[in-house]
């Protein structure tokens, strides 16, 4: 008698239980950086008989301790390369200003599944100014023997002659006897 009751209760419980959901999170890739908008793809696996539409997906995003307004969070459900997977892309319309971003994704309309994500935003990419390459130095001329300083010429080192009196307009002194 007790065995019949147990079987009856077990069979009734099995009839009232709904179909098991196979929806689940596969992976999430982060590429957030400070100063840019968040674009956070979440890969979701579905059973063959399941579908996932945007009205059955929600997300809440916080940067630091500040919640980003729901009007600035956008959710798009995209097809994936794998037939039983979808990509839920969570994006923001405001730039990320904090290094710590937290997201809560909720999937499903009736039976919901929720997962918390933490993203560490990279510092902004800084491009340093690069000095222009130096102008090409002119190619050295063919080898020429080094010039040696010229020795002073004999004419330059000889004493200068005293000008003639005839050329100066004076009379010459008398010749000695």
C-alpha atoms as a PDB file:
ATOM      1  CA  UNK A   1       0.000   0.000   0.000  1.00  0.00           C
ATOM      2  CA  UNK A   2       2.748   2.449   0.885  1.00  0.00           C
ATOM      3  CA  UNK A   3       4.602   1.468  -2.268  1.00  0.00           C
ATOM      4  CA  UNK A   4       1.549   2.315  -4.383  1.00  0.00           C
ATOM      5  CA  UNK A   5       1.291   5.764  -2.803  1.00  0.00           C
ATOM      6  CA  UNK A   6       4.959   6.473  -3.469  1.00  0.00           C
ATOM      7  CA  UNK A   7       4.617   5.408  -7.099  1.00  0.00           C
ATOM      8  CA  UNK A   8       1.457   7.486  -7.504  1.00  0.00           C
ATOM      9  CA  UNK A   9       3.094  10.598  -6.045  1.00  0.00           C
ATOM     10  CA  UNK A  10       6.224  10.090  -8.145  1.00  0.00           C
ATOM     11  CA  UNK A  11       4.258   9.687 -11.353  1.00  0.00           C
ATOM     12  CA  UNK A  12       2.132  12.763 -10.628  1.00  0.00           C
ATOM     13  CA  UNK A  13       5.263  14.792  -9.904  1.00  0.00           C
ATOM     14  CA  UNK A  14       6.754  13.653 -13.200  1.00  0.00           C
ATOM     15  CA  UNK A  15       3.636  14.712 -15.107  1.00  0.00           C
ATOM     16  CA  UNK A  16       3.538  18.194 -13.617  1.00  0.00           C
ATOM     17  CA  UNK A  17       7.218  18.926 -14.074  1.00  0.00           C
ATOM     18  CA  UNK A  18       7.900  20.925 -17.211  1.00  0.00           C
ATOM     19  CA  UNK A  19      10.478  20.093 -19.797  1.00  0.00           C
ATOM     20  CA  UNK A  20      14.016  20.636 -18.628  1.00  0.00           C
ATOM     21  CA  UNK A  21      15.702  23.686 -20.058  1.00  0.00           C
ATOM     22  CA  UNK A  22      18.995  23.151 -21.813  1.00  0.00           C
ATOM     23  CA  UNK A  23      19.758  26.855 -22.219  1.00  0.00           C
ATOM     24  CA  UNK A  24      23.073  27.785 -20.673  1.00  0.00           C
ATOM     25  CA  UNK A  25      26.040  30.107 -20.830  1.00  0.00           C
ATOM     26  CA  UNK A  26      29.061  28.859 -22.746  1.00  0.00           C
ATOM     27  CA  UNK A  27      31.594  31.696 -22.575  1.00  0.00           C
ATOM     28  CA  UNK A  28      31.962  35.446 -22.488  1.00  0.00           C
ATOM     29  CA  UNK A  29      34.796  37.349 -24.112  1.00  0.00           C
ATOM     30  CA  UNK A  30      35.847  40.714 -22.812  1.00  0.00           C
ATOM     31  CA  UNK A  31      37.454  43.459 -24.817  1.00  0.00           C
ATOM     32  CA  UNK A  32      36.540  46.501 -22.757  1.00  0.00           C
ATOM     33  CA  UNK A  33      38.862  49.457 -22.361  1.00  0.00           C
ATOM     34  CA  UNK A  34      38.494  52.669 -20.422  1.00  0.00           C
ATOM     35  CA  UNK A  35      37.231  55.513 -22.581  1.00  0.00           C
ATOM     36  CA  UNK A  36      35.409  53.266 -25.078  1.00  0.00           C
ATOM     37  CA  UNK A  37      31.944  51.734 -25.226  1.00  0.00           C
ATOM     38  CA  UNK A  38      31.351  48.287 -23.784  1.00  0.00           C
ATOM     39  CA  UNK A  39      30.804  45.507 -26.312  1.00  0.00           C
ATOM     40  CA  UNK A  40      30.463  42.254 -24.403  1.00  0.00           C
ATOM     41  CA  UNK A  41      29.565  39.105 -26.396  1.00  0.00           C
ATOM     42  CA  UNK A  42      28.142  36.187 -24.400  1.00  0.00           C
ATOM     43  CA  UNK A  43      27.849  32.819 -26.136  1.00  0.00           C
ATOM     44  CA  UNK A  44      24.703  30.892 -25.138  1.00  0.00           C
ATOM     45  CA  UNK A  45      23.903  27.243 -25.904  1.00  0.00           C
ATOM     46  CA  UNK A  46      20.331  26.221 -26.755  1.00  0.00           C
ATOM     47  CA  UNK A  47      18.614  22.858 -27.095  1.00  0.00           C
ATOM     48  CA  UNK A  48      17.364  21.902 -30.546  1.00  0.00           C
ATOM     49  CA  UNK A  49      13.768  22.815 -29.670  1.00  0.00           C
ATOM     50  CA  UNK A  50      14.619  26.116 -27.927  1.00  0.00           C
ATOM     51  CA  UNK A  51      14.823  29.621 -29.262  1.00  0.00           C
ATOM     52  CA  UNK A  52      16.032  32.847 -27.740  1.00  0.00           C
ATOM     53  CA  UNK A  53      14.663  36.254 -28.637  1.00  0.00           C
ATOM     54  CA  UNK A  54      15.665  39.700 -27.424  1.00  0.00           C
ATOM     55  CA  UNK A  55      12.533  40.223 -25.250  1.00  0.00           C
ATOM     56  CA  UNK A  56      13.586  37.186 -23.186  1.00  0.00           C
ATOM     57  CA  UNK A  57      17.063  38.578 -22.496  1.00  0.00           C
ATOM     58  CA  UNK A  58      17.965  41.326 -20.055  1.00  0.00           C
ATOM     59  CA  UNK A  59      21.182  42.772 -18.753  1.00  0.00           C
ATOM     60  CA  UNK A  60      22.258  45.141 -16.024  1.00  0.00           C
ATOM     61  CA  UNK A  61      25.665  46.828 -16.258  1.00  0.00           C
ATOM     62  CA  UNK A  62      27.569  48.665 -13.547  1.00  0.00           C
ATOM     63  CA  UNK A  63      30.892  50.453 -13.783  1.00  0.00           C
ATOM     64  CA  UNK A  64      32.491  50.712 -10.392  1.00  0.00           C
ATOM     65  CA  UNK A  65      29.518  51.171  -8.083  1.00  0.00           C
ATOM     66  CA  UNK A  66      27.503  53.237 -10.545  1.00  0.00           C
ATOM     67  CA  UNK A  67      24.711  51.538 -12.469  1.00  0.00           C
ATOM     68  CA  UNK A  68      24.464  52.387 -16.157  1.00  0.00           C
ATOM     69  CA  UNK A  69      20.904  53.425 -16.979  1.00  0.00           C
ATOM     70  CA  UNK A  70      18.925  50.706 -18.791  1.00  0.00           C
ATOM     71  CA  UNK A  71      18.271  53.174 -21.629  1.00  0.00           C
ATOM     72  CA  UNK A  72      22.053  53.206 -22.259  1.00  0.00           C
ATOM     73  CA  UNK A  73      22.369  49.402 -22.358  1.00  0.00           C
ATOM     74  CA  UNK A  74      21.556  47.607 -25.592  1.00  0.00           C
ATOM     75  CA  UNK A  75      21.075  43.850 -26.052  1.00  0.00           C
ATOM     76  CA  UNK A  76      21.211  42.084 -29.419  1.00  0.00           C
ATOM     77  CA  UNK A  77      20.780  38.345 -30.025  1.00  0.00           C
ATOM     78  CA  UNK A  78      22.907  37.233 -32.990  1.00  0.00           C
ATOM     79  CA  UNK A  79      23.332  33.943 -34.801  1.00  0.00           C
ATOM     80  CA  UNK A  80      26.513  31.998 -34.180  1.00  0.00           C
ATOM     81  CA  UNK A  81      28.685  29.821 -36.387  1.00  0.00           C
ATOM     82  CA  UNK A  82      27.525  26.844 -34.307  1.00  0.00           C
ATOM     83  CA  UNK A  83      23.898  25.823 -34.952  1.00  0.00           C
ATOM     84  CA  UNK A  84      22.866  25.349 -31.304  1.00  0.00           C
ATOM     85  CA  UNK A  85      24.510  28.559 -30.046  1.00  0.00           C
ATOM     86  CA  UNK A  86      23.545  32.243 -30.069  1.00  0.00           C
ATOM     87  CA  UNK A  87      25.589  35.311 -29.215  1.00  0.00           C
ATOM     88  CA  UNK A  88      24.007  37.786 -26.818  1.00  0.00           C
ATOM     89  CA  UNK A  89      25.872  41.052 -27.328  1.00  0.00           C
ATOM     90  CA  UNK A  90      25.588  43.578 -24.511  1.00  0.00           C
ATOM     91  CA  UNK A  91      26.713  47.077 -25.488  1.00  0.00           C
ATOM     92  CA  UNK A  92      26.580  50.466 -23.807  1.00  0.00           C
ATOM     93  CA  UNK A  93      25.969  53.897 -25.260  1.00  0.00           C
ATOM     94  CA  UNK A  94      28.178  55.539 -22.647  1.00  0.00           C
ATOM     95  CA  UNK A  95      31.928  55.191 -22.414  1.00  0.00           C
ATOM     96  CA  UNK A  96      33.453  53.063 -19.683  1.00  0.00           C
ATOM     97  CA  UNK A  97      35.131  55.276 -17.091  1.00  0.00           C
ATOM     98  CA  UNK A  98      36.005  52.730 -14.393  1.00  0.00           C
ATOM     99  CA  UNK A  99      38.413  49.776 -14.564  1.00  0.00           C
ATOM    100  CA  UNK A 100      35.861  47.397 -12.996  1.00  0.00           C
ATOM    101  CA  UNK A 101      32.675  46.617 -14.948  1.00  0.00           C
ATOM    102  CA  UNK A 102      30.051  44.201 -13.613  1.00  0.00           C
ATOM    103  CA  UNK A 103      27.283  42.723 -15.710  1.00  0.00           C
ATOM    104  CA  UNK A 104      24.290  40.555 -14.888  1.00  0.00           C
ATOM    105  CA  UNK A 105      22.755  38.707 -17.832  1.00  0.00           C
ATOM    106  CA  UNK A 106      19.345  37.048 -17.513  1.00  0.00           C
ATOM    107  CA  UNK A 107      18.074  34.584 -20.132  1.00  0.00           C
ATOM    108  CA  UNK A 108      14.607  33.129 -20.557  1.00  0.00           C
ATOM    109  CA  UNK A 109      11.014  34.342 -20.369  1.00  0.00           C
ATOM    110  CA  UNK A 110       9.383  31.781 -18.063  1.00  0.00           C
ATOM    111  CA  UNK A 111      12.259  29.882 -16.500  1.00  0.00           C
ATOM    112  CA  UNK A 112      15.109  32.338 -16.088  1.00  0.00           C
ATOM    113  CA  UNK A 113      18.796  31.720 -15.740  1.00  0.00           C
ATOM    114  CA  UNK A 114      21.107  34.470 -14.517  1.00  0.00           C
ATOM    115  CA  UNK A 115      24.851  34.891 -14.553  1.00  0.00           C
ATOM    116  CA  UNK A 116      27.138  37.574 -13.122  1.00  0.00           C
ATOM    117  CA  UNK A 117      30.181  38.714 -15.100  1.00  0.00           C
ATOM    118  CA  UNK A 118      33.102  40.840 -13.986  1.00  0.00           C
ATOM    119  CA  UNK A 119      35.187  42.606 -16.599  1.00  0.00           C
ATOM    120  CA  UNK A 120      38.449  44.396 -15.969  1.00  0.00           C
ATOM    121  CA  UNK A 121      38.666  47.243 -18.468  1.00  0.00           C
ATOM    122  CA  UNK A 122      42.062  47.852 -19.998  1.00  0.00           C
ATOM    123  CA  UNK A 123      43.655  51.284 -19.691  1.00  0.00           C
ATOM    124  CA  UNK A 124      43.153  53.482 -22.719  1.00  0.00           C
ATOM    125  CA  UNK A 125      45.512  52.906 -25.603  1.00  0.00           C
ATOM    126  CA  UNK A 126      48.057  55.684 -25.698  1.00  0.00           C
ATOM    127  CA  UNK A 127      49.817  56.384 -28.937  1.00  0.00           C
ATOM    128  CA  UNK A 128      53.167  57.988 -28.444  1.00  0.00           C
ATOM    129  CA  UNK A 129      54.442  60.450 -30.987  1.00  0.00           C
ATOM    130  CA  UNK A 130      57.150  58.916 -33.086  1.00  0.00           C
ATOM    131  CA  UNK A 131      60.034  61.050 -34.251  1.00  0.00           C
ATOM    132  CA  UNK A 132      60.329  61.134 -38.017  1.00  0.00           C
ATOM    133  CA  UNK A 133      63.200  59.059 -39.359  1.00  0.00           C
ATOM    134  CA  UNK A 134      66.372  61.082 -39.841  1.00  0.00           C
ATOM    135  CA  UNK A 135      66.986  62.396 -43.328  1.00  0.00           C
ATOM    136  CA  UNK A 136      69.434  60.310 -45.238  1.00  0.00           C
ATOM    137  CA  UNK A 137      72.950  61.597 -44.773  1.00  0.00           C
ATOM    138  CA  UNK A 138      74.643  62.346 -48.076  1.00  0.00           C
ATOM    139  CA  UNK A 139      76.852  59.501 -49.133  1.00  0.00           C
ATOM    140  CA  UNK A 140      80.516  60.182 -48.454  1.00  0.00           C
ATOM    141  CA  UNK A 141      82.503  61.151 -51.536  1.00  0.00           C
ATOM    142  CA  UNK A 142      84.984  58.721 -52.998  1.00  0.00           C
ATOM    143  CA  UNK A 143      88.106  58.492 -50.942  1.00  0.00           C
ATOM    144  CA  UNK A 144      90.269  61.525 -51.446  1.00  0.00           C
ATOM    145  CA  UNK A 145      93.615  61.736 -49.692  1.00  0.00           C
ATOM    146  CA  UNK A 146      93.420  64.018 -46.737  1.00  0.00           C
ATOM    147  CA  UNK A 147      94.663  67.501 -47.460  1.00  0.00           C
ATOM    148  CA  UNK A 148      97.842  68.376 -45.604  1.00  0.00           C
ATOM    149  CA  UNK A 149      98.495  71.943 -44.658  1.00  0.00           C
ATOM    150  CA  UNK A 150     100.729  73.544 -47.274  1.00  0.00           C
ATOM    151  CA  UNK A 151     104.135  74.732 -46.169  1.00  0.00           C
ATOM    152  CA  UNK A 152     104.495  78.484 -46.414  1.00  0.00           C
ATOM    153  CA  UNK A 153     106.026  79.412 -49.723  1.00  0.00           C
ATOM    154  CA  UNK A 154     109.474  80.962 -49.904  1.00  0.00           C
ATOM    155  CA  UNK A 155     108.023  84.158 -51.328  1.00  0.00           C
ATOM    156  CA  UNK A 156     105.707  84.553 -48.377  1.00  0.00           C
ATOM    157  CA  UNK A 157     108.505  84.102 -45.857  1.00  0.00           C
ATOM    158  CA  UNK A 158     111.124  86.299 -47.639  1.00  0.00           C
ATOM    159  CA  UNK A 159     111.650  89.879 -46.397  1.00  0.00           C
ATOM    160  CA  UNK A 160     109.919  92.484 -48.401  1.00  0.00           C
ATOM    161  CA  UNK A 161     112.097  94.740 -50.504  1.00  0.00           C
ATOM    162  CA  UNK A 162     112.263  98.389 -49.692  1.00  0.00           C
ATOM    163  CA  UNK A 163     110.733 100.485 -52.464  1.00  0.00           C
ATOM    164  CA  UNK A 164     112.957 102.374 -54.861  1.00  0.00           C
ATOM    165  CA  UNK A 165     113.300 106.074 -54.412  1.00  0.00           C
ATOM    166  CA  UNK A 166     112.576 106.575 -58.083  1.00  0.00           C
ATOM    167  CA  UNK A 167     109.267 104.999 -57.667  1.00  0.00           C
ATOM    168  CA  UNK A 168     108.509 106.981 -54.556  1.00  0.00           C
ATOM    169  CA  UNK A 169     109.333 110.382 -56.030  1.00  0.00           C
ATOM    170  CA  UNK A 170     112.201 111.184 -53.635  1.00  0.00           C
ATOM    171  CA  UNK A 171     115.763 111.666 -54.568  1.00  0.00           C
ATOM    172  CA  UNK A 172     118.179 108.972 -53.713  1.00  0.00           C
ATOM    173  CA  UNK A 173     120.716 109.677 -51.043  1.00  0.00           C
ATOM    174  CA  UNK A 174     124.239 110.323 -52.265  1.00  0.00           C
ATOM    175  CA  UNK A 175     126.255 107.219 -52.933  1.00  0.00           C
ATOM    176  CA  UNK A 176     129.026 106.589 -50.474  1.00  0.00           C
ATOM    177  CA  UNK A 177     132.640 107.521 -51.676  1.00  0.00           C
END
